[in-house]
Amino acid sequence: MALLTDGYQATIDILGARLCIVKYTPPSVDFGEKKDMTCMGNEFWRTFLPRRLATFGDVMVVCNWDSSIYDFTDPIFGENTLVTFTFPDGAILTFWGWINKFEPAEMEEGKKPEATVTICASMMDNECNEQDLTITEGTAMCL
């Protein structure tokens, strides 16, 4: 099994915009609360089963930015589209989603402007068809 050995260097492309990433949190996968299957026939253990549907979590990105982000004539916010996330090992994750939130950090002299961008996964195309993610394998090696 190949393992990621470093968090540097990743890219995210959405609607032709490439975010200048400072740091990021890749999406999580959550199957929700477990289903309690315990019954009167159990003798010692409570028993559980997983749910069938998963939730693909938000991507959180801290990035550099400039003031042109406020030009909403070419919107990159709230547009359901393909999101392409390239991991440091070259693996490429693609899923349907949108930029949901742009949150600038406090700005001060001598520090670069940063913002937190939240990308939400819709997992469906613009015709409301459920779409799975795609992942191409990277080249990371365990050293």
Protein backbone atom coordinates (compact mmCIF):
# COMPACT_ATOMS: atom_id res chain seq x y z
CA MET A 1 0.00 0.00 0.00
CA ALA A 2 1.30 3.43 -0.94
CA LEU A 3 1.19 6.13 1.72
CA LEU A 4 1.25 9.89 1.49
CA THR A 5 4.55 11.00 3.00
CA ASP A 6 4.05 14.78 2.96
CA GLY A 7 1.12 17.21 2.81
CA TYR A 8 2.89 19.46 0.31
CA GLN A 9 1.93 20.20 -2.62
CA ALA A 10 -1.78 19.99 -3.43
CA THR A 11 -3.98 21.90 -5.86
CA ILE A 12 -7.72 22.51 -6.19
CA ASP A 13 -9.34 23.54 -9.46
CA ILE A 14 -12.95 24.72 -9.55
CA LEU A 15 -14.62 26.57 -12.44
CA GLY A 16 -11.20 27.28 -13.94
CA ALA A 17 -9.93 28.97 -10.78
CA ARG A 18 -6.93 27.41 -9.10
CA LEU A 19 -6.83 28.22 -5.40
CA CYS A 20 -3.40 29.25 -4.06
CA ILE A 21 -3.39 26.86 -1.10
CA VAL A 22 -1.58 27.60 2.15
CA LYS A 23 -3.07 24.61 3.99
CA TYR A 24 -6.07 22.36 3.50
CA THR A 25 -8.27 19.68 5.01
CA PRO A 26 -9.30 17.02 2.47
CA PRO A 27 -12.90 15.75 2.50
CA SER A 28 -14.03 13.24 5.09
CA VAL A 29 -16.42 10.32 4.60
CA ASP A 30 -19.12 9.83 7.23
CA PHE A 31 -21.62 6.99 7.35
CA GLY A 32 -23.60 8.69 10.12
CA GLU A 33 -24.85 7.26 13.36
CA LYS A 34 -24.72 3.51 13.77
CA LYS A 35 -28.02 1.61 13.74
CA ASP A 36 -28.77 -0.15 17.03
CA MET A 37 -29.74 -3.74 16.22
CA THR A 38 -29.84 -4.92 19.83
CA CYS A 39 -32.73 -7.23 20.64
CA MET A 40 -33.98 -9.32 23.55
CA GLY A 41 -32.07 -12.31 22.15
CA ASN A 42 -28.67 -10.68 22.82
CA GLU A 43 -26.89 -12.17 25.83
CA PHE A 44 -23.96 -9.80 26.42
CA TRP A 45 -23.26 -7.31 23.61
CA ARG A 46 -25.32 -4.55 22.12
CA THR A 47 -25.18 -5.05 18.35
CA PHE A 48 -24.95 -2.43 15.60
CA LEU A 49 -24.90 -2.08 11.82
CA PRO A 50 -23.67 0.76 9.59
CA ARG A 51 -26.00 2.95 7.60
CA ARG A 52 -26.09 2.46 3.83
CA LEU A 53 -25.51 6.05 2.64
CA ALA A 54 -22.38 8.10 3.19
CA THR A 55 -21.83 11.85 3.43
CA PHE A 56 -18.79 13.27 1.63
CA GLY A 57 -17.46 16.04 3.88
CA ASP A 58 -16.53 19.62 3.15
CA VAL A 59 -13.08 20.62 1.92
CA MET A 60 -11.57 23.42 4.00
CA VAL A 61 -8.84 25.48 2.33
CA VAL A 62 -6.77 28.34 3.69
CA CYS A 63 -5.50 30.25 0.69
CA ASN A 64 -4.01 33.50 -0.52
CA TRP A 65 -6.43 35.83 -2.27
CA ASP A 66 -6.84 39.23 -3.86
CA SER A 67 -9.68 41.74 -3.99
CA SER A 68 -10.89 40.61 -7.44
CA ILE A 69 -12.67 37.78 -5.61
CA TYR A 70 -15.44 40.33 -4.95
CA ASP A 71 -16.13 40.75 -8.69
CA PHE A 72 -19.28 38.65 -8.91
CA THR A 73 -19.75 39.10 -12.68
CA ASP A 74 -17.78 35.86 -13.17
CA PRO A 75 -19.14 33.87 -10.24
CA ILE A 76 -17.18 31.02 -8.75
CA PHE A 77 -19.44 30.84 -5.70
CA GLY A 78 -22.55 28.71 -5.49
CA GLU A 79 -22.07 27.09 -8.90
CA ASN A 80 -22.42 23.29 -8.88
CA THR A 81 -19.54 22.00 -10.97
CA LEU A 82 -16.73 19.45 -11.05
CA VAL A 83 -14.10 20.02 -8.37
CA THR A 84 -10.63 18.58 -9.00
CA PHE A 85 -8.35 18.00 -6.02
CA THR A 86 -4.80 16.87 -6.77
CA PHE A 87 -2.98 15.29 -3.83
CA PRO A 88 0.78 15.63 -3.23
CA ASP A 89 1.39 12.15 -4.68
CA GLY A 90 -0.34 13.07 -7.94
CA ALA A 91 -3.60 11.24 -7.17
CA ILE A 92 -6.58 13.15 -8.56
CA LEU A 93 -9.95 13.25 -6.80
CA THR A 94 -12.90 14.64 -8.76
CA PHE A 95 -16.39 15.24 -7.40
CA TRP A 96 -19.37 17.52 -7.94
CA GLY A 97 -19.60 20.48 -5.59
CA TRP A 98 -19.40 24.23 -5.15
CA ILE A 99 -17.58 26.97 -3.27
CA ASN A 100 -19.96 27.63 -0.43
CA LYS A 101 -18.08 30.13 1.71
CA PHE A 102 -15.25 32.65 1.41
CA GLU A 103 -14.11 33.95 4.79
CA PRO A 104 -11.20 36.43 4.83
CA ALA A 105 -8.94 36.39 7.87
CA GLU A 106 -8.04 39.51 9.76
CA MET A 107 -5.63 41.61 7.74
CA GLU A 108 -2.65 43.44 9.21
CA GLU A 109 0.55 45.10 8.09
CA GLY A 110 3.39 42.74 7.30
CA LYS A 111 1.22 39.64 6.87
CA LYS A 112 -0.14 38.17 3.67
CA PRO A 113 -3.92 38.19 3.21
CA GLU A 114 -5.43 34.75 3.75
CA ALA A 115 -8.96 33.43 3.61
CA THR A 116 -10.74 30.20 4.45
CA VAL A 117 -12.73 28.73 1.57
CA THR A 118 -15.31 26.00 2.16
CA ILE A 119 -16.10 23.66 -0.73
CA CYS A 120 -19.22 21.52 -0.30
CA ALA A 121 -19.80 18.29 -2.18
CA SER A 122 -23.18 17.93 -3.91
CA MET A 123 -22.50 14.45 -5.30
CA MET A 124 -24.94 15.18 -8.12
CA ASP A 125 -24.64 16.82 -11.52
CA ASN A 126 -26.72 19.74 -12.76
CA GLU A 127 -29.47 17.38 -14.00
CA CYS A 128 -29.86 16.10 -10.40
CA ASN A 129 -28.30 12.71 -11.15
CA GLU A 130 -26.30 11.17 -8.32
CA GLN A 131 -22.60 11.18 -9.26
CA ASP A 132 -19.87 9.16 -7.60
CA LEU A 133 -16.43 10.62 -7.01
CA THR A 134 -13.53 9.49 -9.15
CA ILE A 135 -10.00 8.91 -7.92
CA THR A 136 -6.92 8.16 -9.96
CA GLU A 137 -4.03 6.52 -8.18
CA GLY A 138 -0.98 8.51 -7.19
CA THR A 139 2.65 7.49 -6.96
CA ALA A 140 3.37 7.86 -3.21
CA MET A 141 5.73 5.32 -1.74
CA CYS A 142 6.36 4.26 1.81
CA LEU A 143 9.97 5.12 2.60
